[in-house]
C-alpha atoms as a PDB file:
ATOM      1  CA  MET A   1     -42.194  -5.760 120.467  1.00  0.00           C
ATOM      2  CA  LEU A   2     -38.939  -6.204 122.434  1.00  0.00           C
ATOM      3  CA  GLN A   3     -39.721  -9.892 122.988  1.00  0.00           C
ATOM      4  CA  GLU A   4     -40.286 -10.400 119.235  1.00  0.00           C
ATOM      5  CA  ILE A   5     -36.928  -8.836 118.422  1.00  0.00           C
ATOM      6  CA  LYS A   6     -35.251 -11.022 121.036  1.00  0.00           C
ATOM      7  CA  GLU A   7     -36.823 -14.155 119.500  1.00  0.00           C
ATOM      8  CA  ILE A   8     -35.723 -13.175 115.989  1.00  0.00           C
ATOM      9  CA  ILE A   9     -32.134 -12.611 117.130  1.00  0.00           C
ATOM     10  CA  THR A  10     -32.120 -15.947 118.964  1.00  0.00           C
ATOM     11  CA  LEU A  11     -33.399 -17.767 115.864  1.00  0.00           C
ATOM     12  CA  GLN A  12     -30.764 -16.105 113.678  1.00  0.00           C
ATOM     13  CA  LYS A  13     -28.028 -17.065 116.141  1.00  0.00           C
ATOM     14  CA  ARG A  14     -29.164 -20.710 116.100  1.00  0.00           C
ATOM     15  CA  GLU A  15     -29.266 -20.680 112.292  1.00  0.00           C
ATOM     16  CA  ILE A  16     -25.683 -19.390 112.099  1.00  0.00           C
ATOM     17  CA  GLU A  17     -24.506 -21.987 114.628  1.00  0.00           C
ATOM     18  CA  LEU A  18     -26.113 -24.769 112.557  1.00  0.00           C
ATOM     19  CA  LYS A  19     -24.527 -23.457 109.340  1.00  0.00           C
ATOM     20  CA  LEU A  20     -21.088 -23.397 110.990  1.00  0.00           C
ATOM     21  CA  LYS A  21     -21.458 -27.082 111.940  1.00  0.00           C
ATOM     22  CA  GLU A  22     -22.143 -28.140 108.335  1.00  0.00           C
ATOM     23  CA  ARG A  23     -19.382 -29.680 106.259  1.00  0.00           C
ATOM     24  CA  TYR A  24     -17.229 -26.996 104.658  1.00  0.00           C
ATOM     25  CA  ILE A  25     -14.349 -27.267 102.200  1.00  0.00           C
ATOM     26  CA  ASP A  26     -11.959 -24.434 102.918  1.00  0.00           C
ATOM     27  CA  ARG A  27     -11.236 -22.152  99.957  1.00  0.00           C
ATOM     28  CA  ASN A  28      -7.770 -20.964  98.977  1.00  0.00           C
ATOM     29  CA  LYS A  29      -8.961 -17.359  98.897  1.00  0.00           C
ATOM     30  CA  GLU A  30      -8.659 -14.894 101.756  1.00  0.00           C
ATOM     31  CA  LEU A  31     -10.256 -11.465 101.836  1.00  0.00           C
ATOM     32  CA  GLU A  32      -7.969  -8.555 102.582  1.00  0.00           C
ATOM     33  CA  LEU A  33      -9.532  -6.600 105.433  1.00  0.00           C
ATOM     34  CA  ASP A  34      -6.737  -4.054 105.797  1.00  0.00           C
ATOM     35  CA  SER A  35      -8.798  -1.223 104.272  1.00  0.00           C
ATOM     36  CA  ASP A  36     -12.223   0.271 104.963  1.00  0.00           C
ATOM     37  CA  LEU A  37     -13.433  -0.468 101.427  1.00  0.00           C
ATOM     38  CA  ILE A  38     -16.581  -2.558 101.104  1.00  0.00           C
ATOM     39  CA  LYS A  39     -15.862  -6.138 100.071  1.00  0.00           C
ATOM     40  CA  VAL A  40     -18.108  -7.835  97.490  1.00  0.00           C
ATOM     41  CA  ILE A  41     -18.211 -11.586  96.926  1.00  0.00           C
ATOM     42  CA  ILE A  42     -19.532 -12.426  93.463  1.00  0.00           C
ATOM     43  CA  GLY A  43     -20.354 -15.692  91.753  1.00  0.00           C
ATOM     44  CA  PRO A  44     -23.156 -17.756  90.278  1.00  0.00           C
ATOM     45  CA  ARG A  45     -26.279 -18.679  92.218  1.00  0.00           C
ATOM     46  CA  ARG A  46     -25.826 -21.364  94.875  1.00  0.00           C
ATOM     47  CA  ALA A  47     -22.023 -21.313  94.550  1.00  0.00           C
ATOM     48  CA  GLY A  48     -21.453 -20.851  98.301  1.00  0.00           C
ATOM     49  CA  LYS A  49     -20.887 -17.103  98.555  1.00  0.00           C
ATOM     50  CA  SER A  50     -22.823 -16.675 101.808  1.00  0.00           C
ATOM     51  CA  PHE A  51     -21.370 -19.890 103.237  1.00  0.00           C
ATOM     52  CA  PHE A  52     -17.845 -18.670 102.390  1.00  0.00           C
ATOM     53  CA  ALA A  53     -18.499 -15.278 104.003  1.00  0.00           C
ATOM     54  CA  LEU A  54     -19.949 -16.876 107.132  1.00  0.00           C
ATOM     55  CA  HIS A  55     -16.972 -19.190 107.624  1.00  0.00           C
ATOM     56  CA  PHE A  56     -14.477 -16.451 106.787  1.00  0.00           C
ATOM     57  CA  LEU A  57     -15.983 -14.075 109.343  1.00  0.00           C
ATOM     58  CA  ASN A  58     -16.130 -16.845 111.924  1.00  0.00           C
ATOM     59  CA  ARG A  59     -12.362 -17.405 111.533  1.00  0.00           C
ATOM     60  CA  GLN A  60     -11.788 -13.662 112.099  1.00  0.00           C
ATOM     61  CA  GLY A  61     -13.415 -13.841 115.549  1.00  0.00           C
ATOM     62  CA  ASN A  62     -16.761 -12.726 116.889  1.00  0.00           C
ATOM     63  CA  PHE A  63     -18.953 -10.905 114.408  1.00  0.00           C
ATOM     64  CA  GLY A  64     -22.494  -9.612 114.284  1.00  0.00           C
END
């Protein structure tokens, strides 16, 4: 069980590293993280919401 969890985490880490190497056009929008409120990114399907969040969090420092 522990080995399976370790493998899953390793695969997810590799996936994130690959996504961060993909071409990315920086957006003009920054999220304000000065409060404890939950942030929601909305938009149409396949508009890059997850990609934006991943790159934004990566710029903030280590996450996950």
